[in-house]
Amino acid sequence: MDIENAGFLKRASVGNQRVVKFLLEMIDHGEAETIAFAIENDVDLVVLDDKDARKVARGFGLRVTGTLGLLLLARRKGLIDAIEPYIEELRKNGFRISDEVVRKILESAGEL
């Protein structure tokens, strides 16, 4: 999928680079900008997979989910029929996730 032409996503930039620089002491650039943008724009939910970034985001009072949380939400809303094929594809592309976490997600989705 061409993300730039997805229609439901748009490119945005962070105004307060001081917050980004502060966050870079703890987490990577992409995560730092995501959190800074969420703070600036009063975002309801932040999507982060990195454990440290999730902890930092929660420290700022942000609600956090990850890629698998989005898949679970899509499954519950009937947007996808099953999560497992997406997890397999993510793993093929280098997404690291433990078998235990996969089991919990699949159980939550009613796929086990």
PDB file of N, CA and C in Angstrom:
ATOM      1  N   MET A   1       0.840  -1.181   0.000  1.00  0.00           N
ATOM      2  CA  MET A   1       0.000   0.000   0.000  1.00  0.00           C
ATOM      3  C   MET A   1       0.880   1.238   0.000  1.00  0.00           C
ATOM      4  N   ASP A   2       0.538   2.193  -0.819  1.00  0.00           N
ATOM      5  CA  ASP A   2       1.232   3.466  -0.861  1.00  0.00           C
ATOM      6  C   ASP A   2       0.647   4.352   0.236  1.00  0.00           C
ATOM      7  N   ILE A   3       1.376   4.486   1.318  1.00  0.00           N
ATOM      8  CA  ILE A   3       0.884   5.220   2.488  1.00  0.00           C
ATOM      9  C   ILE A   3       0.513   6.660   2.135  1.00  0.00           C
ATOM     10  N   GLU A   4       1.312   7.285   1.292  1.00  0.00           N
ATOM     11  CA  GLU A   4       1.049   8.680   0.937  1.00  0.00           C
ATOM     12  C   GLU A   4      -0.319   8.864   0.284  1.00  0.00           C
ATOM     13  N   ASN A   5      -0.812   7.838  -0.392  1.00  0.00           N
ATOM     14  CA  ASN A   5      -2.088   7.943  -1.098  1.00  0.00           C
ATOM     15  C   ASN A   5      -3.202   7.141  -0.433  1.00  0.00           C
ATOM     16  N   ALA A   6      -3.024   6.779   0.825  1.00  0.00           N
ATOM     17  CA  ALA A   6      -4.003   5.937   1.509  1.00  0.00           C
ATOM     18  C   ALA A   6      -5.342   6.643   1.705  1.00  0.00           C
ATOM     19  N   GLY A   7      -5.337   7.945   1.765  1.00  0.00           N
ATOM     20  CA  GLY A   7      -6.585   8.679   1.911  1.00  0.00           C
ATOM     21  C   GLY A   7      -6.981   8.965   3.347  1.00  0.00           C
ATOM     22  N   PHE A   8      -6.614   8.099   4.267  1.00  0.00           N
ATOM     23  CA  PHE A   8      -6.997   8.305   5.663  1.00  0.00           C
ATOM     24  C   PHE A   8      -5.823   8.779   6.508  1.00  0.00           C
ATOM     25  N   LEU A   9      -4.661   8.945   5.894  1.00  0.00           N
ATOM     26  CA  LEU A   9      -3.484   9.441   6.593  1.00  0.00           C
ATOM     27  C   LEU A   9      -3.043  10.755   5.972  1.00  0.00           C
ATOM     28  N   LYS A  10      -2.460  11.605   6.795  1.00  0.00           N
ATOM     29  CA  LYS A  10      -1.879  12.823   6.255  1.00  0.00           C
ATOM     30  C   LYS A  10      -0.575  13.107   6.979  1.00  0.00           C
ATOM     31  N   ARG A  11       0.327  13.723   6.265  1.00  0.00           N
ATOM     32  CA  ARG A  11       1.621  14.088   6.833  1.00  0.00           C
ATOM     33  C   ARG A  11       1.429  15.307   7.729  1.00  0.00           C
ATOM     34  N   ALA A  12       2.070  15.285   8.873  1.00  0.00           N
ATOM     35  CA  ALA A  12       1.982  16.404   9.808  1.00  0.00           C
ATOM     36  C   ALA A  12       3.366  16.674  10.375  1.00  0.00           C
ATOM     37  N   SER A  13       3.560  17.855  10.887  1.00  0.00           N
ATOM     38  CA  SER A  13       4.854  18.177  11.480  1.00  0.00           C
ATOM     39  C   SER A  13       4.654  18.702  12.900  1.00  0.00           C
ATOM     40  N   VAL A  14       5.711  18.603  13.662  1.00  0.00           N
ATOM     41  CA  VAL A  14       5.701  19.022  15.060  1.00  0.00           C
ATOM     42  C   VAL A  14       6.182  20.459  15.136  1.00  0.00           C
ATOM     43  N   GLY A  15       5.453  21.283  15.851  1.00  0.00           N
ATOM     44  CA  GLY A  15       5.842  22.676  16.001  1.00  0.00           C
ATOM     45  C   GLY A  15       6.909  22.879  17.062  1.00  0.00           C
ATOM     46  N   ASN A  16       6.795  22.197  18.188  1.00  0.00           N
ATOM     47  CA  ASN A  16       7.697  22.400  19.320  1.00  0.00           C
ATOM     48  C   ASN A  16       8.858  21.412  19.265  1.00  0.00           C
ATOM     49  N   GLN A  17       9.915  21.813  18.597  1.00  0.00           N
ATOM     50  CA  GLN A  17      11.083  20.943  18.456  1.00  0.00           C
ATOM     51  C   GLN A  17      11.842  20.782  19.774  1.00  0.00           C
ATOM     52  N   ARG A  18      11.616  21.680  20.731  1.00  0.00           N
ATOM     53  CA  ARG A  18      12.268  21.537  22.037  1.00  0.00           C
ATOM     54  C   ARG A  18      11.785  20.273  22.740  1.00  0.00           C
ATOM     55  N   VAL A  19      10.497  19.983  22.613  1.00  0.00           N
ATOM     56  CA  VAL A  19       9.956  18.756  23.209  1.00  0.00           C
ATOM     57  C   VAL A  19      10.581  17.543  22.529  1.00  0.00           C
ATOM     58  N   VAL A  20      10.694  17.602  21.207  1.00  0.00           N
ATOM     59  CA  VAL A  20      11.307  16.491  20.463  1.00  0.00           C
ATOM     60  C   VAL A  20      12.734  16.273  20.950  1.00  0.00           C
ATOM     61  N   LYS A  21      13.507  17.337  21.062  1.00  0.00           N
ATOM     62  CA  LYS A  21      14.902  17.214  21.517  1.00  0.00           C
ATOM     63  C   LYS A  21      14.978  16.619  22.922  1.00  0.00           C
ATOM     64  N   PHE A  22      14.074  17.038  23.790  1.00  0.00           N
ATOM     65  CA  PHE A  22      14.024  16.480  25.140  1.00  0.00           C
ATOM     66  C   PHE A  22      13.754  14.979  25.087  1.00  0.00           C
ATOM     67  N   LEU A  23      12.781  14.584  24.278  1.00  0.00           N
ATOM     68  CA  LEU A  23      12.408  13.170  24.178  1.00  0.00           C
ATOM     69  C   LEU A  23      13.497  12.327  23.531  1.00  0.00           C
ATOM     70  N   LEU A  24      14.302  12.932  22.664  1.00  0.00           N
ATOM     71  CA  LEU A  24      15.377  12.189  21.996  1.00  0.00           C
ATOM     72  C   LEU A  24      16.424  11.664  22.976  1.00  0.00           C
ATOM     73  N   GLU A  25      16.428  12.211  24.180  1.00  0.00           N
ATOM     74  CA  GLU A  25      17.332  11.697  25.214  1.00  0.00           C
ATOM     75  C   GLU A  25      16.908  10.303  25.671  1.00  0.00           C
ATOM     76  N   MET A  26      15.639   9.948  25.406  1.00  0.00           N
ATOM     77  CA  MET A  26      15.090   8.685  25.910  1.00  0.00           C
ATOM     78  C   MET A  26      14.675   7.712  24.814  1.00  0.00           C
ATOM     79  N   ILE A  27      14.244   8.239  23.672  1.00  0.00           N
ATOM     80  CA  ILE A  27      13.667   7.388  22.625  1.00  0.00           C
ATOM     81  C   ILE A  27      14.119   7.861  21.246  1.00  0.00           C
ATOM     82  N   ASP A  28      13.806   7.080  20.231  1.00  0.00           N
ATOM     83  CA  ASP A  28      14.196   7.397  18.859  1.00  0.00           C
ATOM     84  C   ASP A  28      13.363   8.541  18.283  1.00  0.00           C
ATOM     85  N   HIS A  29      13.841   9.065  17.168  1.00  0.00           N
ATOM     86  CA  HIS A  29      13.264  10.265  16.561  1.00  0.00           C
ATOM     87  C   HIS A  29      11.789  10.114  16.182  1.00  0.00           C
ATOM     88  N   GLY A  30      11.439   9.035  15.517  1.00  0.00           N
ATOM     89  CA  GLY A  30      10.047   8.851  15.091  1.00  0.00           C
ATOM     90  C   GLY A  30       9.085   8.812  16.258  1.00  0.00           C
ATOM     91  N   GLU A  31       9.474   8.094  17.298  1.00  0.00           N
ATOM     92  CA  GLU A  31       8.637   8.011  18.489  1.00  0.00           C
ATOM     93  C   GLU A  31       8.562   9.358  19.197  1.00  0.00           C
ATOM     94  N   ALA A  32       9.698  10.069  19.245  1.00  0.00           N
ATOM     95  CA  ALA A  32       9.731  11.385  19.891  1.00  0.00           C
ATOM     96  C   ALA A  32       8.787  12.356  19.183  1.00  0.00           C
ATOM     97  N   GLU A  33       8.808  12.357  17.855  1.00  0.00           N
ATOM     98  CA  GLU A  33       7.918  13.251  17.112  1.00  0.00           C
ATOM     99  C   GLU A  33       6.454  12.849  17.277  1.00  0.00           C
ATOM    100  N   THR A  34       6.201  11.554  17.324  1.00  0.00           N
ATOM    101  CA  THR A  34       4.826  11.085  17.521  1.00  0.00           C
ATOM    102  C   THR A  34       4.276  11.580  18.852  1.00  0.00           C
ATOM    103  N   ILE A  35       5.055  11.433  19.902  1.00  0.00           N
ATOM    104  CA  ILE A  35       4.613  11.858  21.234  1.00  0.00           C
ATOM    105  C   ILE A  35       4.472  13.376  21.298  1.00  0.00           C
ATOM    106  N   ALA A  36       5.452  14.104  20.755  1.00  0.00           N
ATOM    107  CA  ALA A  36       5.383  15.569  20.762  1.00  0.00           C
ATOM    108  C   ALA A  36       4.150  16.059  20.004  1.00  0.00           C
ATOM    109  N   PHE A  37       3.879  15.457  18.857  1.00  0.00           N
ATOM    110  CA  PHE A  37       2.695  15.825  18.075  1.00  0.00           C
ATOM    111  C   PHE A  37       1.414  15.553  18.864  1.00  0.00           C
ATOM    112  N   ALA A  38       1.371  14.412  19.527  1.00  0.00           N
ATOM    113  CA  ALA A  38       0.186  14.045  20.315  1.00  0.00           C
ATOM    114  C   ALA A  38      -0.049  15.039  21.443  1.00  0.00           C
ATOM    115  N   ILE A  39       1.011  15.462  22.091  1.00  0.00           N
ATOM    116  CA  ILE A  39       0.897  16.438  23.179  1.00  0.00           C
ATOM    117  C   ILE A  39       0.389  17.771  22.636  1.00  0.00           C
ATOM    118  N   GLU A  40       0.986  18.230  21.537  1.00  0.00           N
ATOM    119  CA  GLU A  40       0.605  19.513  20.931  1.00  0.00           C
ATOM    120  C   GLU A  40      -0.840  19.545  20.464  1.00  0.00           C
ATOM    121  N   ASN A  41      -1.312  18.422  19.966  1.00  0.00           N
ATOM    122  CA  ASN A  41      -2.607  18.385  19.286  1.00  0.00           C
ATOM    123  C   ASN A  41      -3.695  17.658  20.061  1.00  0.00           C
ATOM    124  N   ASP A  42      -3.438  17.379  21.321  1.00  0.00           N
ATOM    125  CA  ASP A  42      -4.425  16.722  22.181  1.00  0.00           C
ATOM    126  C   ASP A  42      -5.008  15.470  21.516  1.00  0.00           C
ATOM    127  N   VAL A  43      -4.117  14.617  21.046  1.00  0.00           N
ATOM    128  CA  VAL A  43      -4.497  13.385  20.349  1.00  0.00           C
ATOM    129  C   VAL A  43      -5.059  12.376  21.347  1.00  0.00           C
ATOM    130  N   ASP A  44      -6.115  11.669  20.951  1.00  0.00           N
ATOM    131  CA  ASP A  44      -6.780  10.708  21.837  1.00  0.00           C
ATOM    132  C   ASP A  44      -5.984   9.432  22.059  1.00  0.00           C
ATOM    133  N   LEU A  45      -5.325   8.946  21.020  1.00  0.00           N
ATOM    134  CA  LEU A  45      -4.656   7.650  21.083  1.00  0.00           C
ATOM    135  C   LEU A  45      -3.389   7.687  20.248  1.00  0.00           C
ATOM    136  N   VAL A  46      -2.290   7.209  20.819  1.00  0.00           N
ATOM    137  CA  VAL A  46      -1.004   7.181  20.134  1.00  0.00           C
ATOM    138  C   VAL A  46      -0.650   5.734  19.810  1.00  0.00           C
ATOM    139  N   VAL A  47      -0.170   5.505  18.598  1.00  0.00           N
ATOM    140  CA  VAL A  47       0.227   4.162  18.177  1.00  0.00           C
ATOM    141  C   VAL A  47       1.745   4.060  18.244  1.00  0.00           C
ATOM    142  N   LEU A  48       2.225   3.259  19.195  1.00  0.00           N
ATOM    143  CA  LEU A  48       3.657   3.050  19.396  1.00  0.00           C
ATOM    144  C   LEU A  48       3.896   1.582  19.718  1.00  0.00           C
ATOM    145  N   ASP A  49       4.927   0.999  19.121  1.00  0.00           N
ATOM    146  CA  ASP A  49       5.261  -0.389  19.420  1.00  0.00           C
ATOM    147  C   ASP A  49       6.472  -0.510  20.341  1.00  0.00           C
ATOM    148  N   ASP A  50       7.322   0.486  20.351  1.00  0.00           N
ATOM    149  CA  ASP A  50       8.529   0.449  21.170  1.00  0.00           C
ATOM    150  C   ASP A  50       8.167   0.565  22.652  1.00  0.00           C
ATOM    151  N   LYS A  51       8.687  -0.364  23.446  1.00  0.00           N
ATOM    152  CA  LYS A  51       8.353  -0.425  24.876  1.00  0.00           C
ATOM    153  C   LYS A  51       8.721   0.867  25.613  1.00  0.00           C
ATOM    154  N   ASP A  52       9.921   1.380  25.371  1.00  0.00           N
ATOM    155  CA  ASP A  52      10.351   2.604  26.053  1.00  0.00           C
ATOM    156  C   ASP A  52       9.490   3.798  25.645  1.00  0.00           C
ATOM    157  N   ALA A  53       9.168   3.887  24.367  1.00  0.00           N
ATOM    158  CA  ALA A  53       8.340   4.992  23.877  1.00  0.00           C
ATOM    159  C   ALA A  53       6.944   4.936  24.483  1.00  0.00           C
ATOM    160  N   ARG A  54       6.416   3.741  24.626  1.00  0.00           N
ATOM    161  CA  ARG A  54       5.091   3.586  25.232  1.00  0.00           C
ATOM    162  C   ARG A  54       5.107   4.081  26.683  1.00  0.00           C
ATOM    163  N   LYS A  55       6.171   3.748  27.396  1.00  0.00           N
ATOM    164  CA  LYS A  55       6.303   4.175  28.791  1.00  0.00           C
ATOM    165  C   LYS A  55       6.385   5.703  28.883  1.00  0.00           C
ATOM    166  N   VAL A  56       7.173   6.305  28.002  1.00  0.00           N
ATOM    167  CA  VAL A  56       7.298   7.765  27.984  1.00  0.00           C
ATOM    168  C   VAL A  56       5.949   8.408  27.670  1.00  0.00           C
ATOM    169  N   ALA A  57       5.259   7.881  26.667  1.00  0.00           N
ATOM    170  CA  ALA A  57       3.953   8.433  26.277  1.00  0.00           C
ATOM    171  C   ALA A  57       2.965   8.367  27.437  1.00  0.00           C
ATOM    172  N   ARG A  58       2.940   7.241  28.113  1.00  0.00           N
ATOM    173  CA  ARG A  58       2.039   7.111  29.269  1.00  0.00           C
ATOM    174  C   ARG A  58       2.405   8.105  30.371  1.00  0.00           C
ATOM    175  N   GLY A  59       3.714   8.382  30.499  1.00  0.00           N
ATOM    176  CA  GLY A  59       4.167   9.366  31.472  1.00  0.00           C
ATOM    177  C   GLY A  59       3.618  10.760  31.194  1.00  0.00           C
ATOM    178  N   PHE A  60       3.315  11.027  29.933  1.00  0.00           N
ATOM    179  CA  PHE A  60       2.700  12.294  29.544  1.00  0.00           C
ATOM    180  C   PHE A  60       1.176  12.216  29.571  1.00  0.00           C
ATOM    181  N   GLY A  61       0.648  11.101  30.060  1.00  0.00           N
ATOM    182  CA  GLY A  61      -0.794  10.947  30.167  1.00  0.00           C
ATOM    183  C   GLY A  61      -1.486  10.556  28.875  1.00  0.00           C
ATOM    184  N   LEU A  62      -0.722  10.072  27.906  1.00  0.00           N
ATOM    185  CA  LEU A  62      -1.305   9.672  26.624  1.00  0.00           C
ATOM    186  C   LEU A  62      -1.792   8.232  26.676  1.00  0.00           C
ATOM    187  N   ARG A  63      -2.905   7.976  26.002  1.00  0.00           N
ATOM    188  CA  ARG A  63      -3.380   6.594  25.825  1.00  0.00           C
ATOM    189  C   ARG A  63      -2.577   5.990  24.685  1.00  0.00           C
ATOM    190  N   VAL A  64      -2.153   4.741  24.863  1.00  0.00           N
ATOM    191  CA  VAL A  64      -1.250   4.106  23.903  1.00  0.00           C
ATOM    192  C   VAL A  64      -1.802   2.765  23.448  1.00  0.00           C
ATOM    193  N   THR A  65      -1.628   2.486  22.170  1.00  0.00           N
ATOM    194  CA  THR A  65      -1.838   1.152  21.632  1.00  0.00           C
ATOM    195  C   THR A  65      -0.692   0.881  20.670  1.00  0.00           C
ATOM    196  N   GLY A  66      -0.650  -0.334  20.173  1.00  0.00           N
ATOM    197  CA  GLY A  66       0.380  -0.688  19.207  1.00  0.00           C
ATOM    198  C   GLY A  66      -0.242  -1.247  17.946  1.00  0.00           C
ATOM    199  N   THR A  67       0.589  -1.738  17.079  1.00  0.00           N
ATOM    200  CA  THR A  67       0.127  -2.319  15.822  1.00  0.00           C
ATOM    201  C   THR A  67      -0.874  -3.436  16.075  1.00  0.00           C
ATOM    202  N   LEU A  68      -0.563  -4.298  17.027  1.00  0.00           N
ATOM    203  CA  LEU A  68      -1.469  -5.412  17.314  1.00  0.00           C
ATOM    204  C   LEU A  68      -2.781  -4.931  17.920  1.00  0.00           C
ATOM    205  N   GLY A  69      -2.722  -3.881  18.692  1.00  0.00           N
ATOM    206  CA  GLY A  69      -3.944  -3.297  19.231  1.00  0.00           C
ATOM    207  C   GLY A  69      -4.842  -2.753  18.126  1.00  0.00           C
ATOM    208  N   LEU A  70      -4.226  -2.175  17.108  1.00  0.00           N
ATOM    209  CA  LEU A  70      -5.007  -1.692  15.966  1.00  0.00           C
ATOM    210  C   LEU A  70      -5.635  -2.852  15.211  1.00  0.00           C
ATOM    211  N   LEU A  71      -4.868  -3.938  15.058  1.00  0.00           N
ATOM    212  CA  LEU A  71      -5.422  -5.121  14.391  1.00  0.00           C
ATOM    213  C   LEU A  71      -6.603  -5.691  15.180  1.00  0.00           C
ATOM    214  N   LEU A  72      -6.469  -5.731  16.493  1.00  0.00           N
ATOM    215  CA  LEU A  72      -7.556  -6.235  17.330  1.00  0.00           C
ATOM    216  C   LEU A  72      -8.797  -5.345  17.199  1.00  0.00           C
ATOM    217  N   LEU A  73      -8.597  -4.053  17.192  1.00  0.00           N
ATOM    218  CA  LEU A  73      -9.711  -3.122  17.016  1.00  0.00           C
ATOM    219  C   LEU A  73     -10.376  -3.322  15.649  1.00  0.00           C
ATOM    220  N   ALA A  74      -9.559  -3.480  14.615  1.00  0.00           N
ATOM    221  CA  ALA A  74     -10.103  -3.704  13.268  1.00  0.00           C
ATOM    222  C   ALA A  74     -10.909  -4.997  13.216  1.00  0.00           C
ATOM    223  N   ARG A  75     -10.434  -6.021  13.902  1.00  0.00           N
ATOM    224  CA  ARG A  75     -11.141  -7.313  13.944  1.00  0.00           C
ATOM    225  C   ARG A  75     -12.481  -7.159  14.659  1.00  0.00           C
ATOM    226  N   ARG A  76     -12.464  -6.474  15.785  1.00  0.00           N
ATOM    227  CA  ARG A  76     -13.690  -6.287  16.570  1.00  0.00           C
ATOM    228  C   ARG A  76     -14.727  -5.445  15.835  1.00  0.00           C
ATOM    229  N   LYS A  77     -14.250  -4.526  14.998  1.00  0.00           N
ATOM    230  CA  LYS A  77     -15.168  -3.680  14.231  1.00  0.00           C
ATOM    231  C   LYS A  77     -15.577  -4.325  12.910  1.00  0.00           C
ATOM    232  N   GLY A  78     -15.061  -5.527  12.643  1.00  0.00           N
ATOM    233  CA  GLY A  78     -15.426  -6.231  11.423  1.00  0.00           C
ATOM    234  C   GLY A  78     -14.731  -5.729  10.172  1.00  0.00           C
ATOM    235  N   LEU A  79     -13.650  -4.979  10.350  1.00  0.00           N
ATOM    236  CA  LEU A  79     -12.912  -4.458   9.203  1.00  0.00           C
ATOM    237  C   LEU A  79     -11.996  -5.506   8.586  1.00  0.00           C
ATOM    238  N   ILE A  80     -11.585  -6.474   9.396  1.00  0.00           N
ATOM    239  CA  ILE A  80     -10.803  -7.611   8.904  1.00  0.00           C
ATOM    240  C   ILE A  80     -11.419  -8.884   9.473  1.00  0.00           C
ATOM    241  N   ASP A  81     -11.247  -9.989   8.748  1.00  0.00           N
ATOM    242  CA  ASP A  81     -11.837 -11.262   9.173  1.00  0.00           C
ATOM    243  C   ASP A  81     -10.995 -11.994  10.205  1.00  0.00           C
ATOM    244  N   ALA A  82      -9.674 -11.786  10.149  1.00  0.00           N
ATOM    245  CA  ALA A  82      -8.773 -12.501  11.052  1.00  0.00           C
ATOM    246  C   ALA A  82      -7.496 -11.698  11.238  1.00  0.00           C
ATOM    247  N   ILE A  83      -6.914 -11.817  12.420  1.00  0.00           N
ATOM    248  CA  ILE A  83      -5.670 -11.123  12.745  1.00  0.00           C
ATOM    249  C   ILE A  83      -4.453 -11.945  12.344  1.00  0.00           C
ATOM    250  N   GLU A  84      -4.549 -13.256  12.481  1.00  0.00           N
ATOM    251  CA  GLU A  84      -3.383 -14.123  12.298  1.00  0.00           C
ATOM    252  C   GLU A  84      -2.637 -13.906  10.976  1.00  0.00           C
ATOM    253  N   PRO A  85      -3.305 -13.765   9.834  1.00  0.00           N
ATOM    254  CA  PRO A  85      -2.551 -13.542   8.593  1.00  0.00           C
ATOM    255  C   PRO A  85      -1.720 -12.257   8.628  1.00  0.00           C
ATOM    256  N   TYR A  86      -2.224 -11.249   9.296  1.00  0.00           N
ATOM    257  CA  TYR A  86      -1.490  -9.990   9.400  1.00  0.00           C
ATOM    258  C   TYR A  86      -0.278 -10.140  10.314  1.00  0.00           C
ATOM    259  N   ILE A  87      -0.447 -10.905  11.381  1.00  0.00           N
ATOM    260  CA  ILE A  87       0.681 -11.164  12.277  1.00  0.00           C
ATOM    261  C   ILE A  87       1.769 -11.929  11.536  1.00  0.00           C
ATOM    262  N   GLU A  88       1.383 -12.923  10.760  1.00  0.00           N
ATOM    263  CA  GLU A  88       2.357 -13.685   9.969  1.00  0.00           C
ATOM    264  C   GLU A  88       3.107 -12.770   9.008  1.00  0.00           C
ATOM    265  N   GLU A  89       2.387 -11.872   8.354  1.00  0.00           N
ATOM    266  CA  GLU A  89       3.014 -10.938   7.415  1.00  0.00           C
ATOM    267  C   GLU A  89       3.957  -9.984   8.143  1.00  0.00           C
ATOM    268  N   LEU A  90       3.531  -9.490   9.295  1.00  0.00           N
ATOM    269  CA  LEU A  90       4.397  -8.620  10.087  1.00  0.00           C
ATOM    270  C   LEU A  90       5.686  -9.340  10.468  1.00  0.00           C
ATOM    271  N   ARG A  91       5.573 -10.567  10.914  1.00  0.00           N
ATOM    272  CA  ARG A  91       6.755 -11.343  11.301  1.00  0.00           C
ATOM    273  C   ARG A  91       7.675 -11.581  10.109  1.00  0.00           C
ATOM    274  N   LYS A  92       7.105 -11.871   8.952  1.00  0.00           N
ATOM    275  CA  LYS A  92       7.914 -12.066   7.737  1.00  0.00           C
ATOM    276  C   LYS A  92       8.721 -10.817   7.407  1.00  0.00           C
ATOM    277  N   ASN A  93       8.184  -9.671   7.791  1.00  0.00           N
ATOM    278  CA  ASN A  93       8.838  -8.400   7.491  1.00  0.00           C
ATOM    279  C   ASN A  93       9.671  -7.867   8.654  1.00  0.00           C
ATOM    280  N   GLY A  94       9.961  -8.732   9.629  1.00  0.00           N
ATOM    281  CA  GLY A  94      10.882  -8.368  10.700  1.00  0.00           C
ATOM    282  C   GLY A  94      10.257  -7.809  11.965  1.00  0.00           C
ATOM    283  N   PHE A  95       8.942  -7.781  12.053  1.00  0.00           N
ATOM    284  CA  PHE A  95       8.271  -7.309  13.265  1.00  0.00           C
ATOM    285  C   PHE A  95       8.460  -8.363  14.340  1.00  0.00           C
ATOM    286  N   ARG A  96       9.069  -7.977  15.442  1.00  0.00           N
ATOM    287  CA  ARG A  96       9.343  -8.937  16.516  1.00  0.00           C
ATOM    288  C   ARG A  96       8.213  -8.933  17.526  1.00  0.00           C
ATOM    289  N   ILE A  97       7.710 -10.137  17.764  1.00  0.00           N
ATOM    290  CA  ILE A  97       6.636 -10.300  18.741  1.00  0.00           C
ATOM    291  C   ILE A  97       6.707 -11.712  19.297  1.00  0.00           C
ATOM    292  N   SER A  98       6.566 -11.819  20.593  1.00  0.00           N
ATOM    293  CA  SER A  98       6.682 -13.132  21.229  1.00  0.00           C
ATOM    294  C   SER A  98       5.458 -13.988  20.933  1.00  0.00           C
ATOM    295  N   ASP A  99       5.661 -15.291  20.999  1.00  0.00           N
ATOM    296  CA  ASP A  99       4.550 -16.226  20.804  1.00  0.00           C
ATOM    297  C   ASP A  99       3.470 -16.017  21.863  1.00  0.00           C
ATOM    298  N   GLU A 100       3.883 -15.662  23.070  1.00  0.00           N
ATOM    299  CA  GLU A 100       2.931 -15.429  24.162  1.00  0.00           C
ATOM    300  C   GLU A 100       2.015 -14.243  23.856  1.00  0.00           C
ATOM    301  N   VAL A 101       2.587 -13.161  23.350  1.00  0.00           N
ATOM    302  CA  VAL A 101       1.778 -11.990  22.998  1.00  0.00           C
ATOM    303  C   VAL A 101       0.832 -12.333  21.850  1.00  0.00           C
ATOM    304  N   VAL A 102       1.323 -13.073  20.872  1.00  0.00           N
ATOM    305  CA  VAL A 102       0.475 -13.496  19.753  1.00  0.00           C
ATOM    306  C   VAL A 102      -0.694 -14.320  20.272  1.00  0.00           C
ATOM    307  N   ARG A 103      -0.407 -15.250  21.168  1.00  0.00           N
ATOM    308  CA  ARG A 103      -1.460 -16.089  21.735  1.00  0.00           C
ATOM    309  C   ARG A 103      -2.522 -15.238  22.423  1.00  0.00           C
ATOM    310  N   LYS A 104      -2.090 -14.266  23.221  1.00  0.00           N
ATOM    311  CA  LYS A 104      -3.034 -13.407  23.943  1.00  0.00           C
ATOM    312  C   LYS A 104      -3.903 -12.593  22.981  1.00  0.00           C
ATOM    313  N   ILE A 105      -3.297 -12.068  21.938  1.00  0.00           N
ATOM    314  CA  ILE A 105      -4.044 -11.275  20.956  1.00  0.00           C
ATOM    315  C   ILE A 105      -5.054 -12.148  20.227  1.00  0.00           C
ATOM    316  N   LEU A 106      -4.614 -13.336  19.812  1.00  0.00           N
ATOM    317  CA  LEU A 106      -5.517 -14.236  19.094  1.00  0.00           C
ATOM    318  C   LEU A 106      -6.662 -14.709  19.991  1.00  0.00           C
ATOM    319  N   GLU A 107      -6.367 -14.932  21.267  1.00  0.00           N
ATOM    320  CA  GLU A 107      -7.432 -15.288  22.218  1.00  0.00           C
ATOM    321  C   GLU A 107      -8.428 -14.138  22.353  1.00  0.00           C
ATOM    322  N   SER A 108      -7.909 -12.921  22.489  1.00  0.00           N
ATOM    323  CA  SER A 108      -8.781 -11.751  22.618  1.00  0.00           C
ATOM    324  C   SER A 108      -9.669 -11.566  21.393  1.00  0.00           C
ATOM    325  N   ALA A 109      -9.141 -11.965  20.241  1.00  0.00           N
ATOM    326  CA  ALA A 109      -9.893 -11.827  18.989  1.00  0.00           C
ATOM    327  C   ALA A 109     -10.825 -13.004  18.744  1.00  0.00           C
ATOM    328  N   GLY A 110     -10.752 -14.012  19.620  1.00  0.00           N
ATOM    329  CA  GLY A 110     -11.580 -15.202  19.438  1.00  0.00           C
ATOM    330  C   GLY A 110     -11.090 -16.112  18.331  1.00  0.00           C
ATOM    331  N   GLU A 111      -9.794 -16.061  18.068  1.00  0.00           N
ATOM    332  CA  GLU A 111      -9.221 -16.870  16.994  1.00  0.00           C
ATOM    333  C   GLU A 111      -8.510 -18.116  17.511  1.00  0.00           C
ATOM    334  N   LEU A 112      -8.547 -18.339  18.806  1.00  0.00           N
ATOM    335  CA  LEU A 112      -7.949 -19.559  19.377  1.00  0.00           C
ATOM    336  C   LEU A 112      -9.008 -20.344  20.117  1.00  0.00           C
TER     337      LEU A 112
END
